[in-house]
Amino acid sequence: MDDKYSTGNCVPPDIAHVRIYFIQQTLPEMNAIKFFEGYEENGWKTVTGKPVRNWKTEAAKYIWTLLEQDAGLRRKHFGKFH
């Protein structure tokens, strides 16, 4: 496989590569599709409007945010029992 595909430098990525990456991170395929569609809709630009240079870097940020939100919801709903 070409190195640009494995490192995340191929932008926009193939949706199949995004799905594989999210599955490797033990996240549902639904999250991969939401990530891909969101960036596709935004023209593969960062929140500051710059072109995405590495989709895996953006995916890692997206995943971190998902996990932080999930942890916050768990604390909100179940924290009083611990």
Protein backbone atom coordinates (compact mmCIF):
# COMPACT_ATOMS: atom_id res chain seq x y z
CA MET A 1 0.00 0.00 0.00
CA ASP A 2 1.21 3.50 -0.80
CA ASP A 3 2.61 5.25 2.29
CA LYS A 4 0.34 8.29 1.85
CA TYR A 5 -2.69 6.04 2.47
CA SER A 6 -1.33 4.48 5.64
CA THR A 7 -0.14 7.76 7.18
CA GLY A 8 -3.34 9.72 6.62
CA ASN A 9 -1.84 12.16 4.15
CA CYS A 10 -4.26 11.25 1.36
CA VAL A 11 -7.02 13.86 1.65
CA PRO A 12 -9.82 13.29 1.10
CA PRO A 13 -9.49 9.71 2.26
CA ASP A 14 -11.45 6.75 0.99
CA ILE A 15 -14.43 6.11 3.30
CA ALA A 16 -13.27 2.50 3.67
CA HIS A 17 -9.98 3.67 5.20
CA VAL A 18 -11.85 5.90 7.63
CA ARG A 19 -14.12 3.02 8.65
CA ILE A 20 -11.13 0.76 9.25
CA TYR A 21 -9.40 3.43 11.35
CA PHE A 22 -12.46 3.92 13.56
CA ILE A 23 -12.96 0.17 13.96
CA GLN A 24 -9.30 -0.12 15.00
CA GLN A 25 -10.06 2.50 17.66
CA THR A 26 -12.97 0.31 18.82
CA LEU A 27 -15.60 2.81 17.73
CA PRO A 28 -18.79 2.09 15.81
CA GLU A 29 -18.84 2.51 12.06
CA MET A 30 -21.54 5.15 12.57
CA ASN A 31 -18.90 7.46 14.09
CA ALA A 32 -16.65 6.99 11.07
CA ILE A 33 -19.47 7.90 8.72
CA LYS A 34 -20.38 11.02 10.73
CA PHE A 35 -16.74 12.10 10.77
CA PHE A 36 -16.33 11.52 7.04
CA GLU A 37 -19.59 13.22 6.06
CA GLY A 38 -18.89 16.22 8.29
CA TYR A 39 -15.48 16.83 6.77
CA GLU A 40 -16.75 16.08 3.27
CA GLU A 41 -19.49 18.68 3.72
CA ASN A 42 -16.91 21.19 4.97
CA GLY A 43 -14.57 20.61 2.01
CA TRP A 44 -11.96 18.87 4.16
CA LYS A 45 -11.07 22.03 6.06
CA THR A 46 -10.16 22.36 9.74
CA VAL A 47 -12.25 24.39 12.17
CA THR A 48 -9.97 27.33 11.38
CA GLY A 49 -10.64 26.98 7.65
CA LYS A 50 -7.27 25.54 6.68
CA PRO A 51 -7.11 22.50 4.39
CA VAL A 52 -6.81 19.19 6.23
CA ARG A 53 -3.32 17.86 5.66
CA ASN A 54 -3.70 14.60 7.58
CA TRP A 55 -7.16 13.12 8.09
CA LYS A 56 -5.93 10.74 10.80
CA THR A 57 -4.87 13.69 12.94
CA GLU A 58 -8.34 15.19 12.57
CA ALA A 59 -9.93 11.80 13.26
CA ALA A 60 -7.90 11.44 16.46
CA LYS A 61 -9.15 14.86 17.65
CA TYR A 62 -12.71 13.89 16.72
CA ILE A 63 -12.42 10.60 18.63
CA TRP A 64 -10.92 12.31 21.67
CA THR A 65 -13.84 14.75 21.72
CA LEU A 66 -16.34 11.87 21.46
CA LEU A 67 -14.69 10.06 24.35
CA GLU A 68 -14.57 13.22 26.48
CA GLN A 69 -18.25 13.91 25.82
CA ASP A 70 -19.12 10.31 26.68
CA ALA A 71 -17.13 10.49 29.92
CA GLY A 72 -18.86 13.77 30.82
CA LEU A 73 -22.29 12.24 30.22
CA ARG A 74 -21.41 9.22 32.34
CA ARG A 75 -20.21 11.48 35.18
CA LYS A 76 -23.36 13.58 34.90
CA HIS A 77 -25.74 10.64 34.98
CA PHE A 78 -23.91 8.12 37.16
CA GLY A 79 -21.42 10.18 39.16
CA LYS A 80 -23.79 10.65 42.08
CA PHE A 81 -23.80 6.87 42.65
CA HIS A 82 -20.03 6.52 42.98
